Amino acid sequence: MKEIRLCWATTITVVAGSAPVQYTDWEIATPDARERLEAESQSANASDGPDTYWVEERDTPR
């Protein structure tokens, strides 16, 4: 089973991947949850810049 969450950079830096990251709690990766988080990410990226928000996925811990 997979889990997903919405993540975003708190600052923009020149070095890729070095910005502090904030995120929402993990939730089960249902189609509805994925659609909602992808829509939130796309909307936020439209206002804050590309790749500022993204959906992260992981295997559910056992």
PDB file of N, CA and C in Angstrom:
ATOM      1  N   MET A   1       0.851  -1.167   0.000  1.00  0.00           N
ATOM      2  CA  MET A   1       0.000   0.000   0.000  1.00  0.00           C
ATOM      3  C   MET A   1       0.902   1.237   0.000  1.00  0.00           C
ATOM      4  N   LYS A   2       0.415   2.299  -0.620  1.00  0.00           N
ATOM      5  CA  LYS A   2       1.160   3.552  -0.733  1.00  0.00           C
ATOM      6  C   LYS A   2       0.505   4.647   0.105  1.00  0.00           C
ATOM      7  N   GLU A   3       1.327   5.605   0.513  1.00  0.00           N
ATOM      8  CA  GLU A   3       0.860   6.809   1.183  1.00  0.00           C
ATOM      9  C   GLU A   3       1.404   8.001   0.412  1.00  0.00           C
ATOM     10  N   ILE A   4       0.671   9.122   0.489  1.00  0.00           N
ATOM     11  CA  ILE A   4       1.104  10.341  -0.184  1.00  0.00           C
ATOM     12  C   ILE A   4       0.931  11.524   0.749  1.00  0.00           C
ATOM     13  N   ARG A   5       1.641  12.606   0.420  1.00  0.00           N
ATOM     14  CA  ARG A   5       1.478  13.861   1.144  1.00  0.00           C
ATOM     15  C   ARG A   5       1.910  15.001   0.237  1.00  0.00           C
ATOM     16  N   LEU A   6       1.434  16.195   0.548  1.00  0.00           N
ATOM     17  CA  LEU A   6       1.813  17.389  -0.182  1.00  0.00           C
ATOM     18  C   LEU A   6       3.028  17.999   0.503  1.00  0.00           C
ATOM     19  N   CYS A   7       4.057  18.306  -0.278  1.00  0.00           N
ATOM     20  CA  CYS A   7       5.279  18.928   0.243  1.00  0.00           C
ATOM     21  C   CYS A   7       5.504  20.242  -0.473  1.00  0.00           C
ATOM     22  N   TRP A   8       6.240  21.147   0.193  1.00  0.00           N
ATOM     23  CA  TRP A   8       6.587  22.400  -0.450  1.00  0.00           C
ATOM     24  C   TRP A   8       7.871  22.960   0.143  1.00  0.00           C
ATOM     25  N   ALA A   9       8.598  23.674  -0.698  1.00  0.00           N
ATOM     26  CA  ALA A   9       9.827  24.328  -0.268  1.00  0.00           C
ATOM     27  C   ALA A   9       9.454  25.593   0.499  1.00  0.00           C
ATOM     28  N   THR A  10      10.105  25.818   1.625  1.00  0.00           N
ATOM     29  CA  THR A  10       9.810  27.022   2.407  1.00  0.00           C
ATOM     30  C   THR A  10      10.591  28.223   1.909  1.00  0.00           C
ATOM     31  N   THR A  11      11.680  27.974   1.175  1.00  0.00           N
ATOM     32  CA  THR A  11      12.460  29.046   0.553  1.00  0.00           C
ATOM     33  C   THR A  11      12.990  28.525  -0.773  1.00  0.00           C
ATOM     34  N   ILE A  12      13.341  29.417  -1.625  1.00  0.00           N
ATOM     35  CA  ILE A  12      13.936  29.025  -2.901  1.00  0.00           C
ATOM     36  C   ILE A  12      15.434  29.285  -2.809  1.00  0.00           C
ATOM     37  N   THR A  13      16.233  28.298  -3.168  1.00  0.00           N
ATOM     38  CA  THR A  13      17.685  28.452  -3.113  1.00  0.00           C
ATOM     39  C   THR A  13      18.292  28.113  -4.463  1.00  0.00           C
ATOM     40  N   VAL A  14      19.525  28.518  -4.675  1.00  0.00           N
ATOM     41  CA  VAL A  14      20.211  28.265  -5.931  1.00  0.00           C
ATOM     42  C   VAL A  14      20.569  26.793  -6.073  1.00  0.00           C
ATOM     43  N   VAL A  15      20.938  26.154  -4.980  1.00  0.00           N
ATOM     44  CA  VAL A  15      21.335  24.743  -5.013  1.00  0.00           C
ATOM     45  C   VAL A  15      20.084  23.886  -4.915  1.00  0.00           C
ATOM     46  N   ALA A  16      19.814  23.103  -5.944  1.00  0.00           N
ATOM     47  CA  ALA A  16      18.607  22.275  -5.975  1.00  0.00           C
ATOM     48  C   ALA A  16      18.587  21.301  -4.808  1.00  0.00           C
ATOM     49  N   GLY A  17      17.442  21.177  -4.184  1.00  0.00           N
ATOM     50  CA  GLY A  17      17.270  20.209  -3.108  1.00  0.00           C
ATOM     51  C   GLY A  17      17.756  20.668  -1.749  1.00  0.00           C
ATOM     52  N   SER A  18      18.235  21.901  -1.638  1.00  0.00           N
ATOM     53  CA  SER A  18      18.764  22.335  -0.349  1.00  0.00           C
ATOM     54  C   SER A  18      17.786  23.200   0.439  1.00  0.00           C
ATOM     55  N   ALA A  19      16.631  23.485  -0.125  1.00  0.00           N
ATOM     56  CA  ALA A  19      15.650  24.310   0.573  1.00  0.00           C
ATOM     57  C   ALA A  19      14.969  23.523   1.677  1.00  0.00           C
ATOM     58  N   PRO A  20      14.691  24.176   2.817  1.00  0.00           N
ATOM     59  CA  PRO A  20      13.909  23.498   3.858  1.00  0.00           C
ATOM     60  C   PRO A  20      12.547  23.111   3.295  1.00  0.00           C
ATOM     61  N   VAL A  21      12.024  21.988   3.737  1.00  0.00           N
ATOM     62  CA  VAL A  21      10.765  21.466   3.205  1.00  0.00           C
ATOM     63  C   VAL A  21       9.747  21.346   4.327  1.00  0.00           C
ATOM     64  N   GLN A  22       8.515  21.714   4.027  1.00  0.00           N
ATOM     65  CA  GLN A  22       7.397  21.466   4.922  1.00  0.00           C
ATOM     66  C   GLN A  22       6.453  20.516   4.220  1.00  0.00           C
ATOM     67  N   TYR A  23       5.530  19.906   4.984  1.00  0.00           N
ATOM     68  CA  TYR A  23       4.659  18.907   4.393  1.00  0.00           C
ATOM     69  C   TYR A  23       3.426  18.686   5.245  1.00  0.00           C
ATOM     70  N   THR A  24       2.427  18.061   4.618  1.00  0.00           N
ATOM     71  CA  THR A  24       1.225  17.643   5.323  1.00  0.00           C
ATOM     72  C   THR A  24       1.444  16.238   5.877  1.00  0.00           C
ATOM     73  N   ASP A  25       0.517  15.763   6.675  1.00  0.00           N
ATOM     74  CA  ASP A  25       0.602  14.396   7.187  1.00  0.00           C
ATOM     75  C   ASP A  25       0.416  13.400   6.049  1.00  0.00           C
ATOM     76  N   TRP A  26       1.004  12.214   6.218  1.00  0.00           N
ATOM     77  CA  TRP A  26       0.825  11.142   5.241  1.00  0.00           C
ATOM     78  C   TRP A  26      -0.630  10.689   5.261  1.00  0.00           C
ATOM     79  N   GLU A  27      -1.147  10.315   4.091  1.00  0.00           N
ATOM     80  CA  GLU A  27      -2.482   9.736   3.995  1.00  0.00           C
ATOM     81  C   GLU A  27      -2.461   8.620   2.958  1.00  0.00           C
ATOM     82  N   ILE A  28      -3.427   7.721   3.063  1.00  0.00           N
ATOM     83  CA  ILE A  28      -3.505   6.603   2.123  1.00  0.00           C
ATOM     84  C   ILE A  28      -3.684   7.161   0.711  1.00  0.00           C
ATOM     85  N   ALA A  29      -2.959   6.601  -0.229  1.00  0.00           N
ATOM     86  CA  ALA A  29      -2.947   7.090  -1.611  1.00  0.00           C
ATOM     87  C   ALA A  29      -4.146   6.569  -2.399  1.00  0.00           C
ATOM     88  N   THR A  30      -5.324   7.036  -2.029  1.00  0.00           N
ATOM     89  CA  THR A  30      -6.524   6.693  -2.791  1.00  0.00           C
ATOM     90  C   THR A  30      -6.567   7.570  -4.044  1.00  0.00           C
ATOM     91  N   PRO A  31      -7.327   7.163  -5.047  1.00  0.00           N
ATOM     92  CA  PRO A  31      -7.449   8.021  -6.241  1.00  0.00           C
ATOM     93  C   PRO A  31      -7.961   9.425  -5.896  1.00  0.00           C
ATOM     94  N   ASP A  32      -8.924   9.523  -4.979  1.00  0.00           N
ATOM     95  CA  ASP A  32      -9.460  10.835  -4.593  1.00  0.00           C
ATOM     96  C   ASP A  32      -8.401  11.688  -3.902  1.00  0.00           C
ATOM     97  N   ALA A  33      -7.641  11.086  -2.991  1.00  0.00           N
ATOM     98  CA  ALA A  33      -6.596  11.821  -2.278  1.00  0.00           C
ATOM     99  C   ALA A  33      -5.521  12.294  -3.246  1.00  0.00           C
ATOM    100  N   ARG A  34      -5.115  11.417  -4.176  1.00  0.00           N
ATOM    101  CA  ARG A  34      -4.094  11.793  -5.150  1.00  0.00           C
ATOM    102  C   ARG A  34      -4.582  12.948  -6.030  1.00  0.00           C
ATOM    103  N   GLU A  35      -5.820  12.863  -6.500  1.00  0.00           N
ATOM    104  CA  GLU A  35      -6.387  13.915  -7.339  1.00  0.00           C
ATOM    105  C   GLU A  35      -6.429  15.248  -6.591  1.00  0.00           C
ATOM    106  N   ARG A  36      -6.847  15.215  -5.328  1.00  0.00           N
ATOM    107  CA  ARG A  36      -6.930  16.434  -4.509  1.00  0.00           C
ATOM    108  C   ARG A  36      -5.554  17.055  -4.306  1.00  0.00           C
ATOM    109  N   LEU A  37      -4.561  16.237  -3.909  1.00  0.00           N
ATOM    110  CA  LEU A  37      -3.224  16.766  -3.651  1.00  0.00           C
ATOM    111  C   LEU A  37      -2.550  17.260  -4.935  1.00  0.00           C
ATOM    112  N   GLU A  38      -2.757  16.555  -6.043  1.00  0.00           N
ATOM    113  CA  GLU A  38      -2.198  17.008  -7.329  1.00  0.00           C
ATOM    114  C   GLU A  38      -2.815  18.353  -7.723  1.00  0.00           C
ATOM    115  N   ALA A  39      -4.119  18.510  -7.516  1.00  0.00           N
ATOM    116  CA  ALA A  39      -4.784  19.776  -7.842  1.00  0.00           C
ATOM    117  C   ALA A  39      -4.257  20.903  -6.956  1.00  0.00           C
ATOM    118  N   GLU A  40      -4.073  20.633  -5.662  1.00  0.00           N
ATOM    119  CA  GLU A  40      -3.518  21.638  -4.755  1.00  0.00           C
ATOM    120  C   GLU A  40      -2.103  22.025  -5.174  1.00  0.00           C
ATOM    121  N   SER A  41      -1.303  21.032  -5.541  1.00  0.00           N
ATOM    122  CA  SER A  41       0.070  21.272  -5.970  1.00  0.00           C
ATOM    123  C   SER A  41       0.096  22.131  -7.236  1.00  0.00           C
ATOM    124  N   GLN A  42      -0.708  21.784  -8.225  1.00  0.00           N
ATOM    125  CA  GLN A  42      -0.737  22.531  -9.482  1.00  0.00           C
ATOM    126  C   GLN A  42      -1.194  23.968  -9.265  1.00  0.00           C
ATOM    127  N   SER A  43      -2.202  24.147  -8.440  1.00  0.00           N
ATOM    128  CA  SER A  43      -2.712  25.483  -8.158  1.00  0.00           C
ATOM    129  C   SER A  43      -1.654  26.332  -7.449  1.00  0.00           C
ATOM    130  N   ALA A  44      -1.003  25.763  -6.458  1.00  0.00           N
ATOM    131  CA  ALA A  44       0.024  26.496  -5.708  1.00  0.00           C
ATOM    132  C   ALA A  44       1.235  26.801  -6.586  1.00  0.00           C
ATOM    133  N   ASN A  45       1.628  25.856  -7.435  1.00  0.00           N
ATOM    134  CA  ASN A  45       2.754  26.097  -8.331  1.00  0.00           C
ATOM    135  C   ASN A  45       2.458  27.205  -9.337  1.00  0.00           C
ATOM    136  N   ALA A  46       1.200  27.332  -9.719  1.00  0.00           N
ATOM    137  CA  ALA A  46       0.815  28.398 -10.650  1.00  0.00           C
ATOM    138  C   ALA A  46       1.038  29.774 -10.029  1.00  0.00           C
ATOM    139  N   SER A  47       0.868  29.891  -8.717  1.00  0.00           N
ATOM    140  CA  SER A  47       1.046  31.188  -8.072  1.00  0.00           C
ATOM    141  C   SER A  47       2.451  31.381  -7.492  1.00  0.00           C
ATOM    142  N   ASP A  48       3.096  30.305  -7.039  1.00  0.00           N
ATOM    143  CA  ASP A  48       4.391  30.429  -6.359  1.00  0.00           C
ATOM    144  C   ASP A  48       5.591  30.024  -7.205  1.00  0.00           C
ATOM    145  N   GLY A  49       5.347  29.466  -8.377  1.00  0.00           N
ATOM    146  CA  GLY A  49       6.442  29.064  -9.249  1.00  0.00           C
ATOM    147  C   GLY A  49       6.524  27.557  -9.389  1.00  0.00           C
ATOM    148  N   PRO A  50       7.042  27.097 -10.526  1.00  0.00           N
ATOM    149  CA  PRO A  50       7.104  25.656 -10.790  1.00  0.00           C
ATOM    150  C   PRO A  50       7.982  24.922  -9.783  1.00  0.00           C
ATOM    151  N   ASP A  51       7.565  23.711  -9.467  1.00  0.00           N
ATOM    152  CA  ASP A  51       8.320  22.804  -8.589  1.00  0.00           C
ATOM    153  C   ASP A  51       8.467  23.304  -7.153  1.00  0.00           C
ATOM    154  N   THR A  52       7.636  24.254  -6.749  1.00  0.00           N
ATOM    155  CA  THR A  52       7.638  24.703  -5.353  1.00  0.00           C
ATOM    156  C   THR A  52       6.843  23.722  -4.491  1.00  0.00           C
ATOM    157  N   TYR A  53       5.803  23.117  -5.073  1.00  0.00           N
ATOM    158  CA  TYR A  53       4.954  22.133  -4.402  1.00  0.00           C
ATOM    159  C   TYR A  53       4.995  20.831  -5.184  1.00  0.00           C
ATOM    160  N   TRP A  54       4.908  19.719  -4.474  1.00  0.00           N
ATOM    161  CA  TRP A  54       4.898  18.413  -5.143  1.00  0.00           C
ATOM    162  C   TRP A  54       4.229  17.395  -4.229  1.00  0.00           C
ATOM    163  N   VAL A  55       3.816  16.280  -4.822  1.00  0.00           N
ATOM    164  CA  VAL A  55       3.225  15.183  -4.061  1.00  0.00           C
ATOM    165  C   VAL A  55       4.302  14.110  -3.894  1.00  0.00           C
ATOM    166  N   GLU A  56       4.545  13.760  -2.657  1.00  0.00           N
ATOM    167  CA  GLU A  56       5.546  12.730  -2.339  1.00  0.00           C
ATOM    168  C   GLU A  56       4.819  11.415  -2.054  1.00  0.00           C
ATOM    169  N   GLU A  57       5.428  10.311  -2.410  1.00  0.00           N
ATOM    170  CA  GLU A  57       4.819   8.986  -2.228  1.00  0.00           C
ATOM    171  C   GLU A  57       5.803   8.051  -1.543  1.00  0.00           C
ATOM    172  N   ARG A  58       5.272   7.175  -0.706  1.00  0.00           N
ATOM    173  CA  ARG A  58       6.104   6.153  -0.061  1.00  0.00           C
ATOM    174  C   ARG A  58       5.279   4.898   0.147  1.00  0.00           C
ATOM    175  N   ASP A  59       5.973   3.791   0.379  1.00  0.00           N
ATOM    176  CA  ASP A  59       5.305   2.565   0.801  1.00  0.00           C
ATOM    177  C   ASP A  59       4.880   2.750   2.246  1.00  0.00           C
ATOM    178  N   THR A  60       3.693   2.262   2.593  1.00  0.00           N
ATOM    179  CA  THR A  60       3.211   2.357   3.953  1.00  0.00           C
ATOM    180  C   THR A  60       4.138   1.571   4.874  1.00  0.00           C
ATOM    181  N   PRO A  61       4.619   2.223   5.962  1.00  0.00           N
ATOM    182  CA  PRO A  61       5.482   1.493   6.896  1.00  0.00           C
ATOM    183  C   PRO A  61       4.726   0.326   7.533  1.00  0.00           C
ATOM    184  N   ARG A  62       5.442  -0.720   7.795  1.00  0.00           N
ATOM    185  CA  ARG A  62       4.799  -1.896   8.413  1.00  0.00           C
ATOM    186  C   ARG A  62       4.839  -1.825   9.896  1.00  0.00           C
TER     187      ARG A  62
END
